[in-house]
Amino acid sequence: MLFIALSLLGYVSYKQLPVELLPNAELPVLFVQVSSQQDMDPSYVESEVIIPLEGAVSAIGGVDKLQSYIDRRQSSIQIDFKKNINFKMTSLKLQEKVNENRKRRTYRFMLNT
């Protein structure tokens, strides 16, 4: 009897669950890519580009975690944000910080967000 009651309760609950074709799956993650047309020493790229960018990005606020990947021609920074931020506004702030950093750099690096 208990089994039948729990089974009916589970079936009714299952039928009342909302189903969406396109659920909100927005992950609060942004990437900044740094590329160069020529091979460069990864330690140079780290000290001259990545560390200043990480400092500028961390000043935005709401940053949960920063991860950097550095190679000879291409580097990237993955920025994980906290769940309760205004993602569009944060994306615009990040773009502003990257553009400020781009103006300061006189050597040949391309920065993309």
PDB file of N, CA and C in Angstrom:
ATOM      1  N   MET A   1       0.812  -1.193   0.000  1.00  0.00           N
ATOM      2  CA  MET A   1       0.000   0.000   0.000  1.00  0.00           C
ATOM      3  C   MET A   1       0.869   1.277   0.000  1.00  0.00           C
ATOM      4  N   LEU A   2       1.887   1.272   0.852  1.00  0.00           N
ATOM      5  CA  LEU A   2       2.802   2.414   0.926  1.00  0.00           C
ATOM      6  C   LEU A   2       3.540   2.588  -0.402  1.00  0.00           C
ATOM      7  N   PHE A   3       3.926   1.489  -1.006  1.00  0.00           N
ATOM      8  CA  PHE A   3       4.619   1.538  -2.285  1.00  0.00           C
ATOM      9  C   PHE A   3       3.740   2.161  -3.364  1.00  0.00           C
ATOM     10  N   ILE A   4       2.490   1.789  -3.416  1.00  0.00           N
ATOM     11  CA  ILE A   4       1.561   2.318  -4.415  1.00  0.00           C
ATOM     12  C   ILE A   4       1.342   3.818  -4.190  1.00  0.00           C
ATOM     13  N   ALA A   5       1.205   4.235  -2.938  1.00  0.00           N
ATOM     14  CA  ALA A   5       0.992   5.654  -2.623  1.00  0.00           C
ATOM     15  C   ALA A   5       2.214   6.479  -3.021  1.00  0.00           C
ATOM     16  N   LEU A   6       3.421   5.989  -2.722  1.00  0.00           N
ATOM     17  CA  LEU A   6       4.636   6.707  -3.092  1.00  0.00           C
ATOM     18  C   LEU A   6       4.824   6.747  -4.611  1.00  0.00           C
ATOM     19  N   SER A   7       4.458   5.661  -5.276  1.00  0.00           N
ATOM     20  CA  SER A   7       4.558   5.625  -6.730  1.00  0.00           C
ATOM     21  C   SER A   7       3.603   6.630  -7.372  1.00  0.00           C
ATOM     22  N   LEU A   8       2.370   6.701  -6.867  1.00  0.00           N
ATOM     23  CA  LEU A   8       1.402   7.669  -7.387  1.00  0.00           C
ATOM     24  C   LEU A   8       1.857   9.100  -7.112  1.00  0.00           C
ATOM     25  N   LEU A   9       2.383   9.344  -5.939  1.00  0.00           N
ATOM     26  CA  LEU A   9       2.880  10.673  -5.596  1.00  0.00           C
ATOM     27  C   LEU A   9       4.050  11.060  -6.512  1.00  0.00           C
ATOM     28  N   GLY A  10       4.944  10.128  -6.776  1.00  0.00           N
ATOM     29  CA  GLY A  10       6.062  10.382  -7.677  1.00  0.00           C
ATOM     30  C   GLY A  10       5.597  10.649  -9.092  1.00  0.00           C
ATOM     31  N   TYR A  11       4.622   9.909  -9.575  1.00  0.00           N
ATOM     32  CA  TYR A  11       4.105  10.094 -10.924  1.00  0.00           C
ATOM     33  C   TYR A  11       3.434  11.458 -11.076  1.00  0.00           C
ATOM     34  N   VAL A  12       2.609  11.824 -10.111  1.00  0.00           N
ATOM     35  CA  VAL A  12       1.918  13.112 -10.151  1.00  0.00           C
ATOM     36  C   VAL A  12       2.940  14.257 -10.083  1.00  0.00           C
ATOM     37  N   SER A  13       3.940  14.125  -9.230  1.00  0.00           N
ATOM     38  CA  SER A  13       4.974  15.161  -9.115  1.00  0.00           C
ATOM     39  C   SER A  13       5.768  15.278 -10.406  1.00  0.00           C
ATOM     40  N   TYR A  14       6.079  14.167 -11.017  1.00  0.00           N
ATOM     41  CA  TYR A  14       6.822  14.163 -12.273  1.00  0.00           C
ATOM     42  C   TYR A  14       6.042  14.879 -13.373  1.00  0.00           C
ATOM     43  N   LYS A  15       4.762  14.668 -13.440  1.00  0.00           N
ATOM     44  CA  LYS A  15       3.926  15.292 -14.469  1.00  0.00           C
ATOM     45  C   LYS A  15       3.805  16.804 -14.260  1.00  0.00           C
ATOM     46  N   GLN A  16       3.984  17.275 -13.040  1.00  0.00           N
ATOM     47  CA  GLN A  16       3.843  18.701 -12.759  1.00  0.00           C
ATOM     48  C   GLN A  16       5.158  19.470 -12.907  1.00  0.00           C
ATOM     49  N   LEU A  17       6.259  18.787 -13.202  1.00  0.00           N
ATOM     50  CA  LEU A  17       7.538  19.470 -13.400  1.00  0.00           C
ATOM     51  C   LEU A  17       7.485  20.281 -14.693  1.00  0.00           C
ATOM     52  N   PRO A  18       7.962  21.522 -14.647  1.00  0.00           N
ATOM     53  CA  PRO A  18       7.944  22.326 -15.880  1.00  0.00           C
ATOM     54  C   PRO A  18       9.036  21.853 -16.847  1.00  0.00           C
ATOM     55  N   VAL A  19       8.712  21.881 -18.121  1.00  0.00           N
ATOM     56  CA  VAL A  19       9.646  21.486 -19.161  1.00  0.00           C
ATOM     57  C   VAL A  19       9.829  22.673 -20.101  1.00  0.00           C
ATOM     58  N   GLU A  20      11.084  23.032 -20.346  1.00  0.00           N
ATOM     59  CA  GLU A  20      11.380  24.144 -21.240  1.00  0.00           C
ATOM     60  C   GLU A  20      12.213  23.631 -22.405  1.00  0.00           C
ATOM     61  N   LEU A  21      11.928  24.138 -23.585  1.00  0.00           N
ATOM     62  CA  LEU A  21      12.723  23.750 -24.740  1.00  0.00           C
ATOM     63  C   LEU A  21      14.115  24.372 -24.686  1.00  0.00           C
ATOM     64  N   LEU A  22      14.195  25.622 -24.253  1.00  0.00           N
ATOM     65  CA  LEU A  22      15.476  26.315 -24.159  1.00  0.00           C
ATOM     66  C   LEU A  22      15.639  26.880 -22.748  1.00  0.00           C
ATOM     67  N   PRO A  23      16.085  26.078 -21.813  1.00  0.00           N
ATOM     68  CA  PRO A  23      16.255  26.589 -20.447  1.00  0.00           C
ATOM     69  C   PRO A  23      17.412  27.584 -20.372  1.00  0.00           C
ATOM     70  N   ASN A  24      17.406  28.402 -19.354  1.00  0.00           N
ATOM     71  CA  ASN A  24      18.459  29.387 -19.149  1.00  0.00           C
ATOM     72  C   ASN A  24      19.730  28.647 -18.722  1.00  0.00           C
ATOM     73  N   ALA A  25      20.684  28.589 -19.622  1.00  0.00           N
ATOM     74  CA  ALA A  25      21.935  27.873 -19.346  1.00  0.00           C
ATOM     75  C   ALA A  25      23.121  28.815 -19.451  1.00  0.00           C
ATOM     76  N   GLU A  26      22.946  30.042 -19.011  1.00  0.00           N
ATOM     77  CA  GLU A  26      24.006  31.034 -19.097  1.00  0.00           C
ATOM     78  C   GLU A  26      25.025  30.789 -17.984  1.00  0.00           C
ATOM     79  N   LEU A  27      26.229  30.460 -18.384  1.00  0.00           N
ATOM     80  CA  LEU A  27      27.301  30.257 -17.418  1.00  0.00           C
ATOM     81  C   LEU A  27      28.080  31.556 -17.269  1.00  0.00           C
ATOM     82  N   PRO A  28      28.352  31.979 -16.066  1.00  0.00           N
ATOM     83  CA  PRO A  28      29.065  33.244 -15.866  1.00  0.00           C
ATOM     84  C   PRO A  28      30.566  33.097 -16.093  1.00  0.00           C
ATOM     85  N   VAL A  29      30.947  32.829 -17.339  1.00  0.00           N
ATOM     86  CA  VAL A  29      32.355  32.626 -17.697  1.00  0.00           C
ATOM     87  C   VAL A  29      32.667  33.474 -18.926  1.00  0.00           C
ATOM     88  N   LEU A  30      33.774  34.206 -18.874  1.00  0.00           N
ATOM     89  CA  LEU A  30      34.251  34.965 -20.021  1.00  0.00           C
ATOM     90  C   LEU A  30      35.711  34.615 -20.275  1.00  0.00           C
ATOM     91  N   PHE A  31      36.147  34.799 -21.513  1.00  0.00           N
ATOM     92  CA  PHE A  31      37.520  34.522 -21.904  1.00  0.00           C
ATOM     93  C   PHE A  31      38.147  35.775 -22.501  1.00  0.00           C
ATOM     94  N   VAL A  32      39.424  35.961 -22.210  1.00  0.00           N
ATOM     95  CA  VAL A  32      40.226  36.987 -22.865  1.00  0.00           C
ATOM     96  C   VAL A  32      41.345  36.250 -23.584  1.00  0.00           C
ATOM     97  N   GLN A  33      41.459  36.455 -24.876  1.00  0.00           N
ATOM     98  CA  GLN A  33      42.498  35.796 -25.655  1.00  0.00           C
ATOM     99  C   GLN A  33      43.544  36.801 -26.079  1.00  0.00           C
ATOM    100  N   VAL A  34      44.791  36.406 -25.939  1.00  0.00           N
ATOM    101  CA  VAL A  34      45.931  37.226 -26.326  1.00  0.00           C
ATOM    102  C   VAL A  34      46.698  36.444 -27.370  1.00  0.00           C
ATOM    103  N   SER A  35      46.905  37.034 -28.529  1.00  0.00           N
ATOM    104  CA  SER A  35      47.646  36.329 -29.569  1.00  0.00           C
ATOM    105  C   SER A  35      48.722  37.238 -30.141  1.00  0.00           C
ATOM    106  N   SER A  36      49.730  36.588 -30.690  1.00  0.00           N
ATOM    107  CA  SER A  36      50.857  37.289 -31.273  1.00  0.00           C
ATOM    108  C   SER A  36      51.145  36.668 -32.629  1.00  0.00           C
ATOM    109  N   GLN A  37      51.680  37.469 -33.537  1.00  0.00           N
ATOM    110  CA  GLN A  37      51.988  36.954 -34.862  1.00  0.00           C
ATOM    111  C   GLN A  37      53.317  36.219 -34.908  1.00  0.00           C
ATOM    112  N   GLN A  38      54.114  36.389 -33.879  1.00  0.00           N
ATOM    113  CA  GLN A  38      55.413  35.719 -33.847  1.00  0.00           C
ATOM    114  C   GLN A  38      55.568  34.979 -32.523  1.00  0.00           C
ATOM    115  N   ASP A  39      56.456  34.004 -32.517  1.00  0.00           N
ATOM    116  CA  ASP A  39      56.713  33.263 -31.286  1.00  0.00           C
ATOM    117  C   ASP A  39      57.384  34.175 -30.263  1.00  0.00           C
ATOM    118  N   MET A  40      56.895  34.070 -29.028  1.00  0.00           N
ATOM    119  CA  MET A  40      57.474  34.859 -27.945  1.00  0.00           C
ATOM    120  C   MET A  40      57.678  33.953 -26.748  1.00  0.00           C
ATOM    121  N   ASP A  41      58.603  34.342 -25.912  1.00  0.00           N
ATOM    122  CA  ASP A  41      58.884  33.585 -24.704  1.00  0.00           C
ATOM    123  C   ASP A  41      57.656  33.653 -23.788  1.00  0.00           C
ATOM    124  N   PRO A  42      57.131  32.499 -23.328  1.00  0.00           N
ATOM    125  CA  PRO A  42      55.948  32.511 -22.466  1.00  0.00           C
ATOM    126  C   PRO A  42      56.134  33.321 -21.182  1.00  0.00           C
ATOM    127  N   SER A  43      57.344  33.338 -20.626  1.00  0.00           N
ATOM    128  CA  SER A  43      57.548  34.126 -19.402  1.00  0.00           C
ATOM    129  C   SER A  43      57.448  35.623 -19.700  1.00  0.00           C
ATOM    130  N   TYR A  44      57.880  36.042 -20.890  1.00  0.00           N
ATOM    131  CA  TYR A  44      57.739  37.439 -21.300  1.00  0.00           C
ATOM    132  C   TYR A  44      56.266  37.803 -21.464  1.00  0.00           C
ATOM    133  N   VAL A  45      55.517  36.928 -22.126  1.00  0.00           N
ATOM    134  CA  VAL A  45      54.089  37.160 -22.328  1.00  0.00           C
ATOM    135  C   VAL A  45      53.385  37.229 -20.976  1.00  0.00           C
ATOM    136  N   GLU A  46      53.773  36.352 -20.068  1.00  0.00           N
ATOM    137  CA  GLU A  46      53.147  36.347 -18.747  1.00  0.00           C
ATOM    138  C   GLU A  46      53.410  37.651 -18.004  1.00  0.00           C
ATOM    139  N   SER A  47      54.659  38.079 -17.967  1.00  0.00           N
ATOM    140  CA  SER A  47      54.995  39.265 -17.180  1.00  0.00           C
ATOM    141  C   SER A  47      54.513  40.562 -17.822  1.00  0.00           C
ATOM    142  N   GLU A  48      54.490  40.630 -19.140  1.00  0.00           N
ATOM    143  CA  GLU A  48      54.138  41.879 -19.814  1.00  0.00           C
ATOM    144  C   GLU A  48      52.660  42.012 -20.165  1.00  0.00           C
ATOM    145  N   VAL A  49      51.959  40.899 -20.310  1.00  0.00           N
ATOM    146  CA  VAL A  49      50.572  40.988 -20.765  1.00  0.00           C
ATOM    147  C   VAL A  49      49.605  40.339 -19.781  1.00  0.00           C
ATOM    148  N   ILE A  50      49.856  39.087 -19.441  1.00  0.00           N
ATOM    149  CA  ILE A  50      48.879  38.321 -18.670  1.00  0.00           C
ATOM    150  C   ILE A  50      48.720  38.861 -17.244  1.00  0.00           C
ATOM    151  N   ILE A  51      49.812  39.103 -16.551  1.00  0.00           N
ATOM    152  CA  ILE A  51      49.712  39.581 -15.165  1.00  0.00           C
ATOM    153  C   ILE A  51      49.029  40.951 -15.091  1.00  0.00           C
ATOM    154  N   PRO A  52      49.381  41.934 -15.960  1.00  0.00           N
ATOM    155  CA  PRO A  52      48.620  43.193 -15.919  1.00  0.00           C
ATOM    156  C   PRO A  52      47.136  43.016 -16.266  1.00  0.00           C
ATOM    157  N   LEU A  53      46.844  42.122 -17.203  1.00  0.00           N
ATOM    158  CA  LEU A  53      45.438  41.869 -17.538  1.00  0.00           C
ATOM    159  C   LEU A  53      44.699  41.238 -16.370  1.00  0.00           C
ATOM    160  N   GLU A  54      45.340  40.283 -15.699  1.00  0.00           N
ATOM    161  CA  GLU A  54      44.702  39.658 -14.542  1.00  0.00           C
ATOM    162  C   GLU A  54      44.427  40.687 -13.454  1.00  0.00           C
ATOM    163  N   GLY A  55      45.358  41.621 -13.247  1.00  0.00           N
ATOM    164  CA  GLY A  55      45.139  42.675 -12.264  1.00  0.00           C
ATOM    165  C   GLY A  55      43.971  43.563 -12.626  1.00  0.00           C
ATOM    166  N   ALA A  56      43.863  43.909 -13.909  1.00  0.00           N
ATOM    167  CA  ALA A  56      42.753  44.750 -14.364  1.00  0.00           C
ATOM    168  C   ALA A  56      41.426  44.011 -14.262  1.00  0.00           C
ATOM    169  N   VAL A  57      41.436  42.735 -14.596  1.00  0.00           N
ATOM    170  CA  VAL A  57      40.208  41.939 -14.561  1.00  0.00           C
ATOM    171  C   VAL A  57      39.740  41.729 -13.123  1.00  0.00           C
ATOM    172  N   SER A  58      40.666  41.497 -12.213  1.00  0.00           N
ATOM    173  CA  SER A  58      40.271  41.249 -10.826  1.00  0.00           C
ATOM    174  C   SER A  58      39.698  42.504 -10.174  1.00  0.00           C
ATOM    175  N   ALA A  59      39.977  43.683 -10.743  1.00  0.00           N
ATOM    176  CA  ALA A  59      39.427  44.931 -10.207  1.00  0.00           C
ATOM    177  C   ALA A  59      37.961  45.119 -10.582  1.00  0.00           C
ATOM    178  N   ILE A  60      37.441  44.326 -11.491  1.00  0.00           N
ATOM    179  CA  ILE A  60      36.051  44.452 -11.920  1.00  0.00           C
ATOM    180  C   ILE A  60      35.099  44.148 -10.765  1.00  0.00           C
ATOM    181  N   GLY A  61      35.383  43.116 -10.017  1.00  0.00           N
ATOM    182  CA  GLY A  61      34.495  42.698  -8.938  1.00  0.00           C
ATOM    183  C   GLY A  61      33.607  41.554  -9.383  1.00  0.00           C
ATOM    184  N   GLY A  62      33.276  40.709  -8.453  1.00  0.00           N
ATOM    185  CA  GLY A  62      32.437  39.554  -8.757  1.00  0.00           C
ATOM    186  C   GLY A  62      33.200  38.393  -9.349  1.00  0.00           C
ATOM    187  N   VAL A  63      34.534  38.489  -9.392  1.00  0.00           N
ATOM    188  CA  VAL A  63      35.348  37.420  -9.971  1.00  0.00           C
ATOM    189  C   VAL A  63      35.494  36.298  -8.940  1.00  0.00           C
ATOM    190  N   ASP A  64      35.187  35.106  -9.360  1.00  0.00           N
ATOM    191  CA  ASP A  64      35.308  33.945  -8.488  1.00  0.00           C
ATOM    192  C   ASP A  64      36.658  33.262  -8.674  1.00  0.00           C
ATOM    193  N   LYS A  65      37.079  33.087  -9.939  1.00  0.00           N
ATOM    194  CA  LYS A  65      38.322  32.367 -10.217  1.00  0.00           C
ATOM    195  C   LYS A  65      38.913  32.835 -11.541  1.00  0.00           C
ATOM    196  N   LEU A  66      40.235  32.940 -11.593  1.00  0.00           N
ATOM    197  CA  LEU A  66      40.964  33.274 -12.816  1.00  0.00           C
ATOM    198  C   LEU A  66      41.887  32.118 -13.160  1.00  0.00           C
ATOM    199  N   GLN A  67      41.883  31.715 -14.419  1.00  0.00           N
ATOM    200  CA  GLN A  67      42.813  30.688 -14.893  1.00  0.00           C
ATOM    201  C   GLN A  67      43.471  31.196 -16.158  1.00  0.00           C
ATOM    202  N   SER A  68      44.784  31.033 -16.230  1.00  0.00           N
ATOM    203  CA  SER A  68      45.524  31.498 -17.400  1.00  0.00           C
ATOM    204  C   SER A  68      46.224  30.330 -18.077  1.00  0.00           C
ATOM    205  N   TYR A  69      46.268  30.393 -19.394  1.00  0.00           N
ATOM    206  CA  TYR A  69      47.001  29.438 -20.206  1.00  0.00           C
ATOM    207  C   TYR A  69      47.914  30.242 -21.108  1.00  0.00           C
ATOM    208  N   ILE A  70      49.203  29.928 -21.087  1.00  0.00           N
ATOM    209  CA  ILE A  70      50.176  30.705 -21.853  1.00  0.00           C
ATOM    210  C   ILE A  70      50.950  29.781 -22.777  1.00  0.00           C
ATOM    211  N   ASP A  71      51.034  30.172 -24.045  1.00  0.00           N
ATOM    212  CA  ASP A  71      51.789  29.441 -25.045  1.00  0.00           C
ATOM    213  C   ASP A  71      52.666  30.454 -25.786  1.00  0.00           C
ATOM    214  N   ARG A  72      53.426  29.988 -26.763  1.00  0.00           N
ATOM    215  CA  ARG A  72      54.321  30.892 -27.484  1.00  0.00           C
ATOM    216  C   ARG A  72      53.585  31.916 -28.343  1.00  0.00           C
ATOM    217  N   ARG A  73      52.473  31.538 -28.933  1.00  0.00           N
ATOM    218  CA  ARG A  73      51.747  32.454 -29.818  1.00  0.00           C
ATOM    219  C   ARG A  73      50.395  32.882 -29.284  1.00  0.00           C
ATOM    220  N   GLN A  74      49.801  32.079 -28.418  1.00  0.00           N
ATOM    221  CA  GLN A  74      48.453  32.399 -27.961  1.00  0.00           C
ATOM    222  C   GLN A  74      48.329  32.118 -26.479  1.00  0.00           C
ATOM    223  N   SER A  75      47.670  33.011 -25.792  1.00  0.00           N
ATOM    224  CA  SER A  75      47.403  32.861 -24.370  1.00  0.00           C
ATOM    225  C   SER A  75      45.937  33.174 -24.136  1.00  0.00           C
ATOM    226  N   SER A  76      45.403  32.661 -23.046  1.00  0.00           N
ATOM    227  CA  SER A  76      44.013  32.965 -22.726  1.00  0.00           C
ATOM    228  C   SER A  76      43.840  33.030 -21.218  1.00  0.00           C
ATOM    229  N   ILE A  77      42.871  33.817 -20.818  1.00  0.00           N
ATOM    230  CA  ILE A  77      42.493  33.939 -19.422  1.00  0.00           C
ATOM    231  C   ILE A  77      41.021  33.569 -19.335  1.00  0.00           C
ATOM    232  N   GLN A  78      40.715  32.596 -18.489  1.00  0.00           N
ATOM    233  CA  GLN A  78      39.321  32.224 -18.244  1.00  0.00           C
ATOM    234  C   GLN A  78      38.903  32.874 -16.940  1.00  0.00           C
ATOM    235  N   ILE A  79      37.822  33.629 -16.978  1.00  0.00           N
ATOM    236  CA  ILE A  79      37.337  34.339 -15.811  1.00  0.00           C
ATOM    237  C   ILE A  79      35.995  33.749 -15.418  1.00  0.00           C
ATOM    238  N   ASP A  80      35.940  33.136 -14.246  1.00  0.00           N
ATOM    239  CA  ASP A  80      34.690  32.609 -13.704  1.00  0.00           C
ATOM    240  C   ASP A  80      34.142  33.637 -12.731  1.00  0.00           C
ATOM    241  N   PHE A  81      32.897  34.022 -12.943  1.00  0.00           N
ATOM    242  CA  PHE A  81      32.259  35.014 -12.089  1.00  0.00           C
ATOM    243  C   PHE A  81      31.294  34.336 -11.122  1.00  0.00           C
ATOM    244  N   LYS A  82      30.950  35.064 -10.067  1.00  0.00           N
ATOM    245  CA  LYS A  82      29.962  34.569  -9.113  1.00  0.00           C
ATOM    246  C   LYS A  82      28.598  34.538  -9.787  1.00  0.00           C
ATOM    247  N   LYS A  83      27.712  33.731  -9.260  1.00  0.00           N
ATOM    248  CA  LYS A  83      26.424  33.489  -9.909  1.00  0.00           C
ATOM    249  C   LYS A  83      25.478  34.695  -9.874  1.00  0.00           C
ATOM    250  N   ASN A  84      25.607  35.575  -8.893  1.00  0.00           N
ATOM    251  CA  ASN A  84      24.609  36.624  -8.697  1.00  0.00           C
ATOM    252  C   ASN A  84      25.024  37.978  -9.286  1.00  0.00           C
ATOM    253  N   ILE A  85      25.762  37.989 -10.378  1.00  0.00           N
ATOM    254  CA  ILE A  85      26.205  39.248 -10.972  1.00  0.00           C
ATOM    255  C   ILE A  85      25.347  39.593 -12.181  1.00  0.00           C
ATOM    256  N   ASN A  86      25.374  40.851 -12.561  1.00  0.00           N
ATOM    257  CA  ASN A  86      24.756  41.292 -13.807  1.00  0.00           C
ATOM    258  C   ASN A  86      25.767  41.004 -14.916  1.00  0.00           C
ATOM    259  N   PHE A  87      25.527  39.946 -15.652  1.00  0.00           N
ATOM    260  CA  PHE A  87      26.524  39.434 -16.587  1.00  0.00           C
ATOM    261  C   PHE A  87      26.781  40.403 -17.750  1.00  0.00           C
ATOM    262  N   LYS A  88      25.758  41.054 -18.243  1.00  0.00           N
ATOM    263  CA  LYS A  88      25.940  41.978 -19.370  1.00  0.00           C
ATOM    264  C   LYS A  88      26.779  43.177 -18.953  1.00  0.00           C
ATOM    265  N   MET A  89      26.498  43.718 -17.770  1.00  0.00           N
ATOM    266  CA  MET A  89      27.264  44.861 -17.286  1.00  0.00           C
ATOM    267  C   MET A  89      28.713  44.457 -17.012  1.00  0.00           C
ATOM    268  N   THR A  90      28.908  43.286 -16.459  1.00  0.00           N
ATOM    269  CA  THR A  90      30.257  42.803 -16.185  1.00  0.00           C
ATOM    270  C   THR A  90      31.022  42.572 -17.471  1.00  0.00           C
ATOM    271  N   SER A  91      30.350  42.077 -18.498  1.00  0.00           N
ATOM    272  CA  SER A  91      30.995  41.878 -19.793  1.00  0.00           C
ATOM    273  C   SER A  91      31.445  43.209 -20.390  1.00  0.00           C
ATOM    274  N   LEU A  92      30.629  44.237 -20.245  1.00  0.00           N
ATOM    275  CA  LEU A  92      31.013  45.566 -20.743  1.00  0.00           C
ATOM    276  C   LEU A  92      32.200  46.133 -19.958  1.00  0.00           C
ATOM    277  N   LYS A  93      32.189  45.935 -18.640  1.00  0.00           N
ATOM    278  CA  LYS A  93      33.318  46.397 -17.825  1.00  0.00           C
ATOM    279  C   LYS A  93      34.603  45.680 -18.224  1.00  0.00           C
ATOM    280  N   LEU A  94      34.489  44.375 -18.487  1.00  0.00           N
ATOM    281  CA  LEU A  94      35.663  43.614 -18.913  1.00  0.00           C
ATOM    282  C   LEU A  94      36.182  44.137 -20.248  1.00  0.00           C
ATOM    283  N   GLN A  95      35.287  44.427 -21.168  1.00  0.00           N
ATOM    284  CA  GLN A  95      35.696  44.961 -22.468  1.00  0.00           C
ATOM    285  C   GLN A  95      36.405  46.298 -22.300  1.00  0.00           C
ATOM    286  N   GLU A  96      35.916  47.143 -21.390  1.00  0.00           N
ATOM    287  CA  GLU A  96      36.570  48.430 -21.131  1.00  0.00           C
ATOM    288  C   GLU A  96      37.975  48.232 -20.581  1.00  0.00           C
ATOM    289  N   LYS A  97      38.127  47.304 -19.633  1.00  0.00           N
ATOM    290  CA  LYS A  97      39.447  47.042 -19.049  1.00  0.00           C
ATOM    291  C   LYS A  97      40.420  46.510 -20.094  1.00  0.00           C
ATOM    292  N   VAL A  98      39.941  45.634 -20.962  1.00  0.00           N
ATOM    293  CA  VAL A  98      40.798  45.083 -22.019  1.00  0.00           C
ATOM    294  C   VAL A  98      41.196  46.186 -22.987  1.00  0.00           C
ATOM    295  N   ASN A  99      40.256  47.068 -23.336  1.00  0.00           N
ATOM    296  CA  ASN A  99      40.572  48.173 -24.251  1.00  0.00           C
ATOM    297  C   ASN A  99      41.578  49.138 -23.628  1.00  0.00           C
ATOM    298  N   GLU A 100      41.442  49.425 -22.327  1.00  0.00           N
ATOM    299  CA  GLU A 100      42.424  50.272 -21.640  1.00  0.00           C
ATOM    300  C   GLU A 100      43.802  49.632 -21.684  1.00  0.00           C
ATOM    301  N   ASN A 101      43.837  48.347 -21.440  1.00  0.00           N
ATOM    302  CA  ASN A 101      45.105  47.622 -21.447  1.00  0.00           C
ATOM    303  C   ASN A 101      45.696  47.571 -22.846  1.00  0.00           C
ATOM    304  N   ARG A 102      44.852  47.469 -23.852  1.00  0.00           N
ATOM    305  CA  ARG A 102      45.314  47.428 -25.242  1.00  0.00           C
ATOM    306  C   ARG A 102      45.989  48.743 -25.622  1.00  0.00           C
ATOM    307  N   LYS A 103      45.461  49.861 -25.142  1.00  0.00           N
ATOM    308  CA  LYS A 103      46.036  51.171 -25.463  1.00  0.00           C
ATOM    309  C   LYS A 103      47.413  51.341 -24.833  1.00  0.00           C
ATOM    310  N   ARG A 104      47.628  50.726 -23.682  1.00  0.00           N
ATOM    311  CA  ARG A 104      48.922  50.846 -22.991  1.00  0.00           C
ATOM    312  C   ARG A 104      50.012  50.010 -23.639  1.00  0.00           C
ATOM    313  N   ARG A 105      49.639  48.980 -24.350  1.00  0.00           N
ATOM    314  CA  ARG A 105      50.610  48.057 -24.935  1.00  0.00           C
ATOM    315  C   ARG A 105      51.058  48.567 -26.295  1.00  0.00           C
ATOM    316  N   THR A 106      52.372  48.754 -26.462  1.00  0.00           N
ATOM    317  CA  THR A 106      52.889  49.246 -27.734  1.00  0.00           C
ATOM    318  C   THR A 106      53.400  48.113 -28.618  1.00  0.00           C
ATOM    319  N   TYR A 107      53.563  46.931 -28.085  1.00  0.00           N
ATOM    320  CA  TYR A 107      54.069  45.816 -28.879  1.00  0.00           C
ATOM    321  C   TYR A 107      52.913  45.065 -29.518  1.00  0.00           C
ATOM    322  N   ARG A 108      53.220  44.099 -30.313  1.00  0.00           N
ATOM    323  CA  ARG A 108      52.221  43.486 -31.178  1.00  0.00           C
ATOM    324  C   ARG A 108      51.508  42.309 -30.537  1.00  0.00           C
ATOM    325  N   PHE A 109      50.502  42.625 -29.797  1.00  0.00           N
ATOM    326  CA  PHE A 109      49.612  41.616 -29.240  1.00  0.00           C
ATOM    327  C   PHE A 109      48.187  41.985 -29.622  1.00  0.00           C
ATOM    328  N   MET A 110      47.396  40.982 -29.923  1.00  0.00           N
ATOM    329  CA  MET A 110      45.989  41.203 -30.201  1.00  0.00           C
ATOM    330  C   MET A 110      45.201  40.692 -29.001  1.00  0.00           C
ATOM    331  N   LEU A 111      44.329  41.519 -28.468  1.00  0.00           N
ATOM    332  CA  LEU A 111      43.517  41.164 -27.310  1.00  0.00           C
ATOM    333  C   LEU A 111      42.055  41.050 -27.743  1.00  0.00           C
ATOM    334  N   ASN A 112      41.411  39.952 -27.402  1.00  0.00           N
ATOM    335  CA  ASN A 112      40.011  39.725 -27.724  1.00  0.00           C
ATOM    336  C   ASN A 112      39.271  39.230 -26.494  1.00  0.00           C
ATOM    337  N   THR A 113      38.014  39.655 -26.363  1.00  0.00           N
ATOM    338  CA  THR A 113      37.174  39.108 -25.289  1.00  0.00           C
ATOM    339  C   THR A 113      36.054  38.327 -25.900  1.00  0.00           C
TER     340      THR A 113
END
